[in-house]
Amino acid sequence: MEKAYRLLERSDYSEKGMFEKLKRLYYSEEDAAAAVAVCVKKNFVNDRRYGEILCRRYGEKYGESRVLSAMCAKGI
C-alpha cells in the first residue's frame, strides 16, 4: 500500500495502470490487486476521473481517435 500511495503522489493512474505498475515493481498479482482495490475504495484511483483527465489533455491537441487510442492504452 505504501508504494501505491507514493506512486499516486506523483501521478494519476487507471486501475489497470496501477496494477501493471505494481506488478512491474515485483509485487505479486494478489498484493497488487489488493492495493488497487483499496485505492479504488478510497477513491484514490478512479477510472472515470482519469478518463476525463486524458480527454482534456489529448483533446486540446488531437482528435477523437487519438483520445480513444490513449484511453484504450491506459485501460479505460
C-alpha atoms as a PDB file:
ATOM      1  CA  MET A   1       0.000   0.000   0.000  1.00  0.00           C
ATOM      2  CA  GLU A   2       2.820   2.404   0.798  1.00  0.00           C
ATOM      3  CA  LYS A   3       4.255   2.060  -2.705  1.00  0.00           C
ATOM      4  CA  ALA A   4       0.820   2.600  -4.264  1.00  0.00           C
ATOM      5  CA  TYR A   5       0.368   5.771  -2.226  1.00  0.00           C
ATOM      6  CA  ARG A   6       3.809   7.052  -3.228  1.00  0.00           C
ATOM      7  CA  LEU A   7       3.052   6.411  -6.894  1.00  0.00           C
ATOM      8  CA  LEU A   8      -0.211   8.317  -6.607  1.00  0.00           C
ATOM      9  CA  GLU A   9       1.568  11.306  -5.077  1.00  0.00           C
ATOM     10  CA  ARG A  10       3.377  11.813  -8.383  1.00  0.00           C
ATOM     11  CA  SER A  11       0.743  10.881 -10.937  1.00  0.00           C
ATOM     12  CA  ASP A  12      -2.794   9.631 -11.537  1.00  0.00           C
ATOM     13  CA  TYR A  13      -3.285   6.056 -12.681  1.00  0.00           C
ATOM     14  CA  SER A  14      -6.094   3.957 -14.074  1.00  0.00           C
ATOM     15  CA  GLU A  15      -6.885   0.732 -12.242  1.00  0.00           C
ATOM     16  CA  LYS A  16      -5.108  -1.241 -14.953  1.00  0.00           C
ATOM     17  CA  GLY A  17      -2.162   1.165 -14.974  1.00  0.00           C
ATOM     18  CA  MET A  18      -1.685   0.971 -11.205  1.00  0.00           C
ATOM     19  CA  PHE A  19      -1.948  -2.825 -11.261  1.00  0.00           C
ATOM     20  CA  GLU A  20       0.599  -3.135 -14.069  1.00  0.00           C
ATOM     21  CA  LYS A  21       2.981  -0.667 -12.414  1.00  0.00           C
ATOM     22  CA  LEU A  22       2.930  -2.582  -9.129  1.00  0.00           C
ATOM     23  CA  LYS A  23       3.485  -5.872 -10.965  1.00  0.00           C
ATOM     24  CA  ARG A  24       6.482  -4.363 -12.792  1.00  0.00           C
ATOM     25  CA  LEU A  25       7.871  -3.403  -9.394  1.00  0.00           C
ATOM     26  CA  TYR A  26       7.861  -7.131  -8.490  1.00  0.00           C
ATOM     27  CA  TYR A  27       4.767  -7.212  -6.300  1.00  0.00           C
ATOM     28  CA  SER A  28       2.663 -10.351  -6.597  1.00  0.00           C
ATOM     29  CA  GLU A  29      -0.587 -10.206  -8.537  1.00  0.00           C
ATOM     30  CA  GLU A  30      -2.534 -10.742  -5.311  1.00  0.00           C
ATOM     31  CA  ASP A  31      -0.769  -7.890  -3.497  1.00  0.00           C
ATOM     32  CA  ALA A  32      -1.096  -5.570  -6.498  1.00  0.00           C
ATOM     33  CA  ALA A  33      -4.807  -6.374  -6.866  1.00  0.00           C
ATOM     34  CA  ALA A  34      -5.406  -5.821  -3.145  1.00  0.00           C
ATOM     35  CA  ALA A  35      -3.613  -2.461  -3.215  1.00  0.00           C
ATOM     36  CA  VAL A  36      -5.596  -1.346  -6.274  1.00  0.00           C
ATOM     37  CA  ALA A  37      -8.858  -2.431  -4.614  1.00  0.00           C
ATOM     38  CA  VAL A  38      -8.083  -0.311  -1.549  1.00  0.00           C
ATOM     39  CA  CYS A  39      -7.134   2.673  -3.721  1.00  0.00           C
ATOM     40  CA  VAL A  40     -10.395   2.338  -5.672  1.00  0.00           C
ATOM     41  CA  LYS A  41     -12.427   2.013  -2.474  1.00  0.00           C
ATOM     42  CA  LYS A  42     -10.840   5.199  -1.093  1.00  0.00           C
ATOM     43  CA  ASN A  43     -11.356   6.909  -4.490  1.00  0.00           C
ATOM     44  CA  PHE A  44      -7.628   7.496  -4.972  1.00  0.00           C
ATOM     45  CA  VAL A  45      -7.849   5.578  -8.258  1.00  0.00           C
ATOM     46  CA  ASN A  46     -10.900   6.453 -10.322  1.00  0.00           C
ATOM     47  CA  ASP A  47     -11.084   5.412 -13.972  1.00  0.00           C
ATOM     48  CA  ARG A  48     -13.788   7.945 -14.794  1.00  0.00           C
ATOM     49  CA  ARG A  49     -11.770  10.842 -13.394  1.00  0.00           C
ATOM     50  CA  TYR A  50      -8.625   9.554 -15.098  1.00  0.00           C
ATOM     51  CA  GLY A  51     -10.505   9.280 -18.412  1.00  0.00           C
ATOM     52  CA  GLU A  52     -11.662  12.884 -18.067  1.00  0.00           C
ATOM     53  CA  ILE A  53      -8.065  13.977 -17.470  1.00  0.00           C
ATOM     54  CA  LEU A  54      -6.942  12.131 -20.606  1.00  0.00           C
ATOM     55  CA  CYS A  55      -9.753  13.686 -22.629  1.00  0.00           C
ATOM     56  CA  ARG A  56      -8.711  17.171 -21.569  1.00  0.00           C
ATOM     57  CA  ARG A  57      -5.013  16.511 -22.072  1.00  0.00           C
ATOM     58  CA  TYR A  58      -5.274  14.916 -25.519  1.00  0.00           C
ATOM     59  CA  GLY A  59      -8.488  16.597 -26.658  1.00  0.00           C
ATOM     60  CA  GLU A  60      -6.856  20.021 -26.832  1.00  0.00           C
ATOM     61  CA  LYS A  61      -4.172  18.840 -29.249  1.00  0.00           C
ATOM     62  CA  TYR A  62      -5.512  15.768 -31.021  1.00  0.00           C
ATOM     63  CA  GLY A  63      -8.688  14.362 -32.493  1.00  0.00           C
ATOM     64  CA  GLU A  64     -11.152  11.867 -31.161  1.00  0.00           C
ATOM     65  CA  SER A  65      -9.297   8.816 -32.459  1.00  0.00           C
ATOM     66  CA  ARG A  66      -6.111   9.810 -30.616  1.00  0.00           C
ATOM     67  CA  VAL A  67      -8.068  10.335 -27.397  1.00  0.00           C
ATOM     68  CA  LEU A  68      -9.732   6.936 -27.744  1.00  0.00           C
ATOM     69  CA  SER A  69      -6.401   5.315 -28.515  1.00  0.00           C
ATOM     70  CA  ALA A  70      -4.818   6.840 -25.415  1.00  0.00           C
ATOM     71  CA  MET A  71      -7.727   5.731 -23.275  1.00  0.00           C
ATOM     72  CA  CYS A  72      -7.527   2.156 -24.582  1.00  0.00           C
ATOM     73  CA  ALA A  73      -3.784   2.083 -23.978  1.00  0.00           C
ATOM     74  CA  LYS A  74      -4.356   3.165 -20.369  1.00  0.00           C
ATOM     75  CA  GLY A  75      -7.072   0.581 -19.782  1.00  0.00           C
ATOM     76  CA  ILE A  76     -10.069   2.883 -19.774  1.00  0.00           C
END
